[in-house]
Protein backbone atom coordinates (compact mmCIF):
# COMPACT_ATOMS: atom_id res chain seq x y z
CA MET A 1 115.27 84.74 108.00
CA ALA A 2 112.29 84.46 109.83
CA SER A 3 108.80 84.33 107.02
CA ALA A 4 106.95 87.86 106.77
CA LYS A 5 103.67 88.32 108.32
CA ASN A 6 100.03 88.88 107.01
CA ILE A 7 98.82 92.21 108.24
CA LEU A 8 95.78 93.45 107.16
CA LEU A 9 95.44 97.25 107.20
CA ILE A 10 91.40 98.21 106.95
CA GLY A 11 91.27 101.69 106.18
CA CYS A 12 94.69 104.17 104.78
CA GLY A 13 93.35 107.33 105.97
CA LYS A 14 95.73 109.95 108.13
CA MET A 15 96.40 107.11 110.96
CA GLY A 16 96.63 103.41 108.36
CA SER A 17 98.40 105.53 106.14
CA ALA A 18 101.38 106.44 108.81
CA LEU A 19 100.49 103.01 110.03
CA LEU A 20 101.42 101.81 106.32
CA SER A 21 105.12 103.70 105.69
CA GLY A 22 106.41 102.23 109.43
CA TRP A 23 105.77 98.39 108.56
CA ILE A 24 107.30 99.29 104.66
CA ASN A 25 110.45 101.07 105.70
CA SER A 26 110.82 99.18 108.53
CA LYS A 27 112.93 95.42 108.34
CA ILE A 28 110.30 93.64 109.43
CA PRO A 29 109.63 91.64 106.54
CA VAL A 30 105.87 91.95 106.16
CA SER A 31 102.88 91.26 103.84
CA ILE A 32 100.60 94.01 103.90
CA SER A 33 97.42 93.85 102.30
CA VAL A 34 94.67 97.23 102.50
CA VAL A 35 91.26 97.38 101.84
CA GLU A 36 90.40 101.16 101.44
CA PRO A 37 88.16 102.69 99.05
CA GLN A 38 90.22 104.89 97.17
CA ASN A 39 93.55 104.18 95.36
CA VAL A 40 96.81 103.66 98.10
CA ALA A 41 100.15 105.10 96.20
CA GLU A 42 102.03 102.04 96.97
CA PRO A 43 102.78 98.95 94.92
CA SER A 44 104.21 96.71 97.43
CA VAL A 45 100.92 95.89 99.31
CA THR A 46 98.19 94.05 97.40
CA HIS A 47 94.74 97.05 97.49
CA PHE A 48 91.73 95.98 97.75
CA LYS A 49 88.57 98.35 97.21
CA ASN A 50 86.33 96.53 99.09
CA LEU A 51 86.27 93.68 102.26
CA SER A 52 83.85 91.49 100.47
CA ASP A 53 86.76 90.98 97.36
CA ALA A 54 89.98 91.03 100.16
CA LYS A 55 88.53 87.19 102.01
CA ALA A 56 91.51 85.77 101.02
CA ALA A 57 93.35 88.01 102.48
CA LEU A 58 91.36 88.20 105.39
CA ALA A 59 91.68 85.21 106.58
CA GLY A 60 95.22 84.70 105.81
CA ALA A 61 95.82 87.67 107.87
CA GLU A 62 97.91 86.98 111.29
CA ALA A 63 96.67 90.49 112.26
CA ILE A 64 94.02 93.34 111.39
CA ILE A 65 94.06 96.59 111.71
CA LEU A 66 90.95 98.42 112.09
CA ALA A 67 92.07 102.55 110.55
CA ILE A 68 88.72 103.89 110.02
CA LYS A 69 86.87 106.05 112.16
CA PRO A 70 84.00 104.81 114.65
CA GLN A 71 81.24 106.78 111.92
CA ASN A 72 82.34 104.54 108.68
CA LEU A 73 82.13 101.59 110.28
CA HIS A 74 79.14 99.26 108.76
């Protein structure tokens, strides 16, 4: 079996949560970390409230997905 891919999802609003749901429901082995100031009610992911706390996840990510509104990018 292939090793899990490491994905870092930044933002878990409508678009981010739809992506997250699809990854969780797929048969593809993924390890998902989420950066989101609000609580994330998915126990199978690693949740960070801000990006500065997610430095290890950022360094180990094979894919980084930005799922935030442009005006929130700062």
